[in-house]
Protein backbone atom coordinates (compact mmCIF):
# COMPACT_ATOMS: atom_id res chain seq x y z
CA MET A 1 -21.62 11.50 56.43
CA THR A 2 -17.92 10.74 55.93
CA GLN A 3 -16.35 8.52 58.54
CA HIS A 4 -12.64 8.99 59.27
CA HIS A 5 -10.43 6.17 60.46
CA PRO A 6 -7.25 6.51 62.57
CA HIS A 7 -5.05 5.41 59.65
CA ASP A 8 -6.43 8.13 57.32
CA THR A 9 -3.97 10.72 58.61
CA GLY A 10 -0.99 8.46 57.96
CA TYR A 11 -2.09 7.66 54.42
CA ARG A 12 -2.82 11.32 53.72
CA GLU A 13 0.67 12.25 54.93
CA LEU A 14 2.35 9.45 52.95
CA PHE A 15 0.58 10.24 49.70
CA SER A 16 1.20 13.99 49.99
CA HIS A 17 4.92 13.40 49.26
CA PRO A 18 5.65 12.29 45.68
CA GLU A 19 9.05 10.91 46.65
CA PHE A 20 7.43 8.59 49.22
CA VAL A 21 4.91 7.38 46.64
CA GLN A 22 7.76 6.66 44.24
CA GLN A 23 9.69 4.72 46.89
CA LEU A 24 6.57 2.78 47.85
CA LEU A 25 5.89 1.76 44.26
CA GLU A 26 9.53 0.92 43.56
CA GLY A 27 9.52 -1.33 46.63
CA PHE A 28 6.25 -3.16 46.02
CA ALA A 29 5.17 -2.96 42.38
CA PRO A 30 6.67 -5.25 39.74
CA ALA A 31 9.72 -3.71 38.04
CA GLU A 32 7.95 -3.83 34.65
CA VAL A 33 5.20 -1.60 36.03
CA VAL A 34 7.57 0.85 37.72
CA GLU A 35 9.58 1.21 34.50
CA MET A 36 6.46 2.48 32.71
CA MET A 37 5.88 5.27 35.24
CA ASP A 38 7.02 8.86 34.96
CA PHE A 39 7.32 9.93 38.58
CA SER A 40 8.13 13.53 37.58
CA THR A 41 4.43 13.97 36.73
CA LEU A 42 3.13 13.21 40.24
CA THR A 43 1.05 16.08 41.63
CA ASN A 44 -1.17 16.55 44.66
CA HIS A 45 -4.95 16.55 44.21
CA SER A 46 -7.57 17.23 46.81
CA GLY A 47 -9.50 14.16 47.89
């Protein structure tokens, strides 16, 4: 049985928008890591 937590909805919403994921990574990941990423390839996948 899958248990859902109150924060699940917020994470699901955040990660359903590629531009938000890009901004999150640009703000928190090291610049060297972000420079290796091609954000144009981000796509949604079902969980």
